[in-house]
Structures are given as C-alpha cells and as structure tokens.
Amino acid sequence: MAPSPANEAQCRIIDDVEFGENVFVSPFVNLYGCTVGDGSRIGPFVEIQRGATIGARCKVQSHTFVCEATIEDEVFVGHGVIFVNDKYPRAATTDGQLQGAQDWQLLDTVVQRGASVGSGALILGGIRIGAGATVGAGAVVTRDVASDAVVAGVPARSTAWRSGQA
C-alpha cells in the first residue's frame, strides 16, 4: 500500500487511509478510516467514511458520500450519489440522549465488480448491487439489484433497456 495519494491537492482531510498504488484524490475531499484500491480516482467534494472500502480502478465522482460500504473493483459511482447505512436514523435515544454508535445497527452495503451507479442515486443500507449492474441517475435503490440488471426510478425497478439498444 502507498502512504498517500499519487497526486498533491489542497484542502484535503486524509486520516487513517490505506491507499493502493496510483490513487488520484481531488481537492476538497474527506477520507478517514477507509481503503482505496490501486488506480482509483476520487473526485472533489467526496466524503468516504470509516469502514468503507473502494476497490481498484474505481471512479467516485464529485459530491458523493460513502459510509461503511464495500465498493468492489472497476465500479463507477456518479456525481452526488448518497449511500445510507441506517434504515431507522434518529438523533436521540428514547430517554433524550444523543445517540452513539451503539444505538443503531449499521447495514452492510455492497456494490459488486463492474457495476455503475448513476448521478444522484440514493442507495439505502443493506443493499447489494450485483456485478455489472447499472443503476440509473436519480434512482432510489430500496432492494438488491441482480448482476447485469438495469434499474431506474423511485423506487428503482428493472428496465428493459440494455446498452446498445435503441
């Protein structure tokens, strides 16, 4: 693993990150407690939180938020994609105390190899997006997506459209 990204950029917060070789990290990025694989590119205004893994040769476009998700190799994540890790978020406990990590169940989210997630998509916690799948721009993914499937809409549903078809 490399000790830092392959490029220089201003205004980055990088703490406790494992970098692969030749990782490009844009300015205005927050990365902490995560792993970024070989040859991946992280766009500006991205936050990747503790426990998240970005595979090799991925592109994570600007304004994206990744929390405790596993993004496998060769995945494209469009602009402004939001990953959610808690289906029942609350600020406080029933007795009025601010919630801590012990007060909710973090849900595993996985985007498998070669998948593509369109700009503005919202990925709920506990979802698995299959290898080679495509999630349309603006989709709200509430259920698992099969490998090679194409989904779009709110909530995201399978479509008949395939690459190369009119």
C-alpha atoms as a PDB file:
ATOM      1  CA  MET A   1       0.000   0.000   0.000  1.00  0.00           C
ATOM      2  CA  ALA A   2       1.093   3.557  -0.690  1.00  0.00           C
ATOM      3  CA  PRO A   3       1.417   6.020   2.219  1.00  0.00           C
ATOM      4  CA  SER A   4      -0.560   8.743   0.403  1.00  0.00           C
ATOM      5  CA  PRO A   5      -2.333   9.545  -2.879  1.00  0.00           C
ATOM      6  CA  ALA A   6      -0.254   9.764  -6.062  1.00  0.00           C
ATOM      7  CA  ASN A   7      -1.079  13.464  -6.506  1.00  0.00           C
ATOM      8  CA  GLU A   8      -0.926  16.681  -4.493  1.00  0.00           C
ATOM      9  CA  ALA A   9      -4.075  18.727  -3.867  1.00  0.00           C
ATOM     10  CA  GLN A  10      -5.068  21.442  -1.433  1.00  0.00           C
ATOM     11  CA  CYS A  11      -7.764  21.258   1.220  1.00  0.00           C
ATOM     12  CA  ARG A  12      -7.979  17.522   1.760  1.00  0.00           C
ATOM     13  CA  ILE A  13      -8.603  15.773   5.053  1.00  0.00           C
ATOM     14  CA  ILE A  14      -6.983  12.358   4.965  1.00  0.00           C
ATOM     15  CA  ASP A  15      -6.756  10.360   8.183  1.00  0.00           C
ATOM     16  CA  ASP A  16      -6.042   6.655   8.685  1.00  0.00           C
ATOM     17  CA  VAL A  17      -6.494   5.730   4.993  1.00  0.00           C
ATOM     18  CA  GLU A  18      -4.925   2.774   3.197  1.00  0.00           C
ATOM     19  CA  PHE A  19      -4.112   3.730  -0.405  1.00  0.00           C
ATOM     20  CA  GLY A  20      -3.291   1.410  -3.270  1.00  0.00           C
ATOM     21  CA  GLU A  21      -0.778   2.465  -5.906  1.00  0.00           C
ATOM     22  CA  ASN A  22      -1.515   5.395  -8.245  1.00  0.00           C
ATOM     23  CA  VAL A  23      -4.655   6.633  -6.455  1.00  0.00           C
ATOM     24  CA  PHE A  24      -5.757  10.129  -7.507  1.00  0.00           C
ATOM     25  CA  VAL A  25      -7.572  12.216  -4.874  1.00  0.00           C
ATOM     26  CA  SER A  26      -9.022  15.607  -5.839  1.00  0.00           C
ATOM     27  CA  PRO A  27      -9.098  18.657  -3.549  1.00  0.00           C
ATOM     28  CA  PHE A  28     -11.877  19.245  -1.011  1.00  0.00           C
ATOM     29  CA  VAL A  29     -12.146  15.572  -0.078  1.00  0.00           C
ATOM     30  CA  ASN A  30     -12.648  13.960   3.346  1.00  0.00           C
ATOM     31  CA  LEU A  31     -11.267  10.439   3.653  1.00  0.00           C
ATOM     32  CA  TYR A  32     -10.906   8.735   7.003  1.00  0.00           C
ATOM     33  CA  GLY A  33     -10.605   5.159   8.193  1.00  0.00           C
ATOM     34  CA  CYS A  34     -11.184   3.761   4.701  1.00  0.00           C
ATOM     35  CA  THR A  35      -9.337   1.861   1.989  1.00  0.00           C
ATOM     36  CA  VAL A  36      -8.915   2.985  -1.639  1.00  0.00           C
ATOM     37  CA  GLY A  37      -7.582   0.446  -4.151  1.00  0.00           C
ATOM     38  CA  ASP A  38      -4.982   0.714  -6.920  1.00  0.00           C
ATOM     39  CA  GLY A  39      -5.615   3.202  -9.700  1.00  0.00           C
ATOM     40  CA  SER A  40      -8.879   4.577  -8.309  1.00  0.00           C
ATOM     41  CA  ARG A  41      -9.897   8.215  -8.775  1.00  0.00           C
ATOM     42  CA  ILE A  42     -11.761  10.193  -6.114  1.00  0.00           C
ATOM     43  CA  GLY A  43     -13.414  13.400  -7.341  1.00  0.00           C
ATOM     44  CA  PRO A  44     -13.766  16.717  -5.492  1.00  0.00           C
ATOM     45  CA  PHE A  45     -16.167  17.218  -2.587  1.00  0.00           C
ATOM     46  CA  VAL A  46     -16.337  13.485  -1.817  1.00  0.00           C
ATOM     47  CA  GLU A  47     -16.545  12.031   1.694  1.00  0.00           C
ATOM     48  CA  ILE A  48     -15.638   8.418   2.338  1.00  0.00           C
ATOM     49  CA  GLN A  49     -16.120   7.384   5.946  1.00  0.00           C
ATOM     50  CA  ARG A  50     -14.543   4.928   8.328  1.00  0.00           C
ATOM     51  CA  GLY A  51     -15.073   1.298   7.386  1.00  0.00           C
ATOM     52  CA  ALA A  52     -15.693   1.937   3.678  1.00  0.00           C
ATOM     53  CA  THR A  53     -13.699   0.125   1.015  1.00  0.00           C
ATOM     54  CA  ILE A  54     -13.205   1.367  -2.534  1.00  0.00           C
ATOM     55  CA  GLY A  55     -11.769  -1.272  -4.870  1.00  0.00           C
ATOM     56  CA  ALA A  56      -9.171  -0.962  -7.616  1.00  0.00           C
ATOM     57  CA  ARG A  57      -9.741   1.083 -10.781  1.00  0.00           C
ATOM     58  CA  CYS A  58     -12.919   2.744  -9.475  1.00  0.00           C
ATOM     59  CA  LYS A  59     -14.173   6.241 -10.239  1.00  0.00           C
ATOM     60  CA  VAL A  60     -16.032   8.072  -7.485  1.00  0.00           C
ATOM     61  CA  GLN A  61     -17.321  11.325  -8.940  1.00  0.00           C
ATOM     62  CA  SER A  62     -17.791  14.683  -7.183  1.00  0.00           C
ATOM     63  CA  HIS A  63     -20.161  15.360  -4.295  1.00  0.00           C
ATOM     64  CA  THR A  64     -20.581  11.682  -3.387  1.00  0.00           C
ATOM     65  CA  PHE A  65     -20.990  10.365   0.172  1.00  0.00           C
ATOM     66  CA  VAL A  66     -19.900   6.804   1.022  1.00  0.00           C
ATOM     67  CA  CYS A  67     -20.439   5.405   4.515  1.00  0.00           C
ATOM     68  CA  GLU A  68     -19.440   1.897   5.573  1.00  0.00           C
ATOM     69  CA  ALA A  69     -19.988   0.389   2.119  1.00  0.00           C
ATOM     70  CA  THR A  70     -17.900  -2.036   0.112  1.00  0.00           C
ATOM     71  CA  ILE A  71     -17.387  -0.915  -3.458  1.00  0.00           C
ATOM     72  CA  GLU A  72     -15.609  -3.632  -5.401  1.00  0.00           C
ATOM     73  CA  ASP A  73     -13.172  -3.227  -8.324  1.00  0.00           C
ATOM     74  CA  GLU A  74     -13.963  -1.283 -11.505  1.00  0.00           C
ATOM     75  CA  VAL A  75     -17.122   0.378 -10.194  1.00  0.00           C
ATOM     76  CA  PHE A  76     -18.305   3.760 -11.455  1.00  0.00           C
ATOM     77  CA  VAL A  77     -20.079   5.954  -8.890  1.00  0.00           C
ATOM     78  CA  GLY A  78     -21.613   9.080 -10.468  1.00  0.00           C
ATOM     79  CA  HIS A  79     -21.845  12.620  -9.153  1.00  0.00           C
ATOM     80  CA  GLY A  80     -23.835  13.212  -5.981  1.00  0.00           C
ATOM     81  CA  VAL A  81     -24.502   9.578  -5.085  1.00  0.00           C
ATOM     82  CA  ILE A  82     -25.504   9.034  -1.452  1.00  0.00           C
ATOM     83  CA  PHE A  83     -25.056   5.785   0.460  1.00  0.00           C
ATOM     84  CA  VAL A  84     -27.157   5.321   3.616  1.00  0.00           C
ATOM     85  CA  ASN A  85     -26.159   2.873   6.371  1.00  0.00           C
ATOM     86  CA  ASP A  86     -29.096   3.033   8.813  1.00  0.00           C
ATOM     87  CA  LYS A  87     -32.743   2.353   7.920  1.00  0.00           C
ATOM     88  CA  TYR A  88     -34.092   3.937  11.111  1.00  0.00           C
ATOM     89  CA  PRO A  89     -31.968   7.029  11.860  1.00  0.00           C
ATOM     90  CA  ARG A  90     -32.689   9.034  14.994  1.00  0.00           C
ATOM     91  CA  ALA A  91     -30.746  11.840  16.648  1.00  0.00           C
ATOM     92  CA  ALA A  92     -31.569  10.844  20.226  1.00  0.00           C
ATOM     93  CA  THR A  93     -32.432   7.758  22.257  1.00  0.00           C
ATOM     94  CA  THR A  94     -35.867   7.304  23.841  1.00  0.00           C
ATOM     95  CA  ASP A  95     -34.537   8.933  27.029  1.00  0.00           C
ATOM     96  CA  GLY A  96     -33.389  12.048  25.135  1.00  0.00           C
ATOM     97  CA  GLN A  97     -29.651  11.312  24.992  1.00  0.00           C
ATOM     98  CA  LEU A  98     -27.712  11.911  21.788  1.00  0.00           C
ATOM     99  CA  GLN A  99     -27.336   8.579  20.003  1.00  0.00           C
ATOM    100  CA  GLY A 100     -23.918   6.959  19.759  1.00  0.00           C
ATOM    101  CA  ALA A 101     -22.605   4.152  17.552  1.00  0.00           C
ATOM    102  CA  GLN A 102     -24.045   1.538  19.928  1.00  0.00           C
ATOM    103  CA  ASP A 103     -27.594   2.868  19.382  1.00  0.00           C
ATOM    104  CA  TRP A 104     -28.105   1.746  15.793  1.00  0.00           C
ATOM    105  CA  GLN A 105     -27.417  -1.185  13.509  1.00  0.00           C
ATOM    106  CA  LEU A 106     -25.080  -0.380  10.640  1.00  0.00           C
ATOM    107  CA  LEU A 107     -26.127  -2.210   7.499  1.00  0.00           C
ATOM    108  CA  ASP A 108     -23.687  -3.757   5.037  1.00  0.00           C
ATOM    109  CA  THR A 109     -23.948  -2.315   1.533  1.00  0.00           C
ATOM    110  CA  VAL A 110     -22.032  -3.866  -1.373  1.00  0.00           C
ATOM    111  CA  VAL A 111     -21.566  -2.693  -4.950  1.00  0.00           C
ATOM    112  CA  GLN A 112     -20.069  -5.582  -6.872  1.00  0.00           C
ATOM    113  CA  ARG A 113     -17.392  -5.516  -9.563  1.00  0.00           C
ATOM    114  CA  GLY A 114     -18.035  -3.503 -12.709  1.00  0.00           C
ATOM    115  CA  ALA A 115     -21.353  -2.006 -11.584  1.00  0.00           C
ATOM    116  CA  SER A 116     -22.287   1.573 -12.481  1.00  0.00           C
ATOM    117  CA  VAL A 117     -24.292   3.891 -10.222  1.00  0.00           C
ATOM    118  CA  GLY A 118     -25.741   6.958 -11.947  1.00  0.00           C
ATOM    119  CA  SER A 119     -25.553  10.523 -10.674  1.00  0.00           C
ATOM    120  CA  GLY A 120     -27.896  11.468  -7.872  1.00  0.00           C
ATOM    121  CA  ALA A 121     -28.769   7.876  -6.937  1.00  0.00           C
ATOM    122  CA  LEU A 122     -29.644   7.073  -3.323  1.00  0.00           C
ATOM    123  CA  ILE A 123     -28.543   3.640  -2.091  1.00  0.00           C
ATOM    124  CA  LEU A 124     -30.274   2.501   1.102  1.00  0.00           C
ATOM    125  CA  GLY A 125     -28.391   0.462   3.680  1.00  0.00           C
ATOM    126  CA  GLY A 126     -28.172  -3.300   3.454  1.00  0.00           C
ATOM    127  CA  ILE A 127     -28.386  -3.330  -0.359  1.00  0.00           C
ATOM    128  CA  ARG A 128     -26.300  -5.472  -2.730  1.00  0.00           C
ATOM    129  CA  ILE A 129     -25.849  -4.165  -6.280  1.00  0.00           C
ATOM    130  CA  GLY A 130     -24.745  -7.079  -8.451  1.00  0.00           C
ATOM    131  CA  ALA A 131     -21.719  -7.317 -10.719  1.00  0.00           C
ATOM    132  CA  GLY A 132     -22.115  -5.387 -13.953  1.00  0.00           C
ATOM    133  CA  ALA A 133     -25.452  -3.861 -12.912  1.00  0.00           C
ATOM    134  CA  THR A 134     -26.452  -0.321 -13.886  1.00  0.00           C
ATOM    135  CA  VAL A 135     -28.385   1.981 -11.552  1.00  0.00           C
ATOM    136  CA  GLY A 136     -29.969   4.904 -13.410  1.00  0.00           C
ATOM    137  CA  ALA A 137     -29.416   8.525 -12.469  1.00  0.00           C
ATOM    138  CA  GLY A 138     -31.672   9.672  -9.642  1.00  0.00           C
ATOM    139  CA  ALA A 139     -32.788   6.149  -8.725  1.00  0.00           C
ATOM    140  CA  VAL A 140     -33.663   5.267  -5.145  1.00  0.00           C
ATOM    141  CA  VAL A 141     -32.412   1.733  -4.565  1.00  0.00           C
ATOM    142  CA  THR A 142     -34.508   0.047  -1.862  1.00  0.00           C
ATOM    143  CA  ARG A 143     -33.872  -3.624  -2.795  1.00  0.00           C
ATOM    144  CA  ASP A 144     -30.995  -5.726  -4.046  1.00  0.00           C
ATOM    145  CA  VAL A 145     -30.119  -5.346  -7.743  1.00  0.00           C
ATOM    146  CA  ALA A 146     -29.259  -8.514  -9.682  1.00  0.00           C
ATOM    147  CA  SER A 147     -25.991  -8.845 -11.593  1.00  0.00           C
ATOM    148  CA  ASP A 148     -26.145  -7.240 -15.054  1.00  0.00           C
ATOM    149  CA  ALA A 149     -29.591  -5.751 -14.312  1.00  0.00           C
ATOM    150  CA  VAL A 150     -30.537  -2.212 -15.287  1.00  0.00           C
ATOM    151  CA  VAL A 151     -32.721  -0.376 -12.759  1.00  0.00           C
ATOM    152  CA  ALA A 152     -34.130   3.138 -12.671  1.00  0.00           C
ATOM    153  CA  GLY A 153     -36.820   5.181 -10.953  1.00  0.00           C
ATOM    154  CA  VAL A 154     -38.217   5.769  -7.491  1.00  0.00           C
ATOM    155  CA  PRO A 155     -38.147   3.157  -6.171  1.00  0.00           C
ATOM    156  CA  ALA A 156     -35.630   1.603  -8.570  1.00  0.00           C
ATOM    157  CA  ARG A 157     -37.140  -1.124 -10.747  1.00  0.00           C
ATOM    158  CA  SER A 158     -35.821  -3.283 -13.539  1.00  0.00           C
ATOM    159  CA  THR A 159     -35.999  -1.799 -17.029  1.00  0.00           C
ATOM    160  CA  ALA A 160     -35.984  -3.418 -20.467  1.00  0.00           C
ATOM    161  CA  TRP A 161     -33.272  -1.049 -21.740  1.00  0.00           C
ATOM    162  CA  ARG A 162     -29.853  -2.560 -22.361  1.00  0.00           C
ATOM    163  CA  SER A 163     -26.640  -0.984 -23.602  1.00  0.00           C
ATOM    164  CA  GLY A 164     -26.570  -0.763 -27.369  1.00  0.00           C
ATOM    165  CA  GLN A 165     -30.353  -0.928 -27.811  1.00  0.00           C
ATOM    166  CA  ALA A 166     -32.380   1.946 -29.218  1.00  0.00           C
END
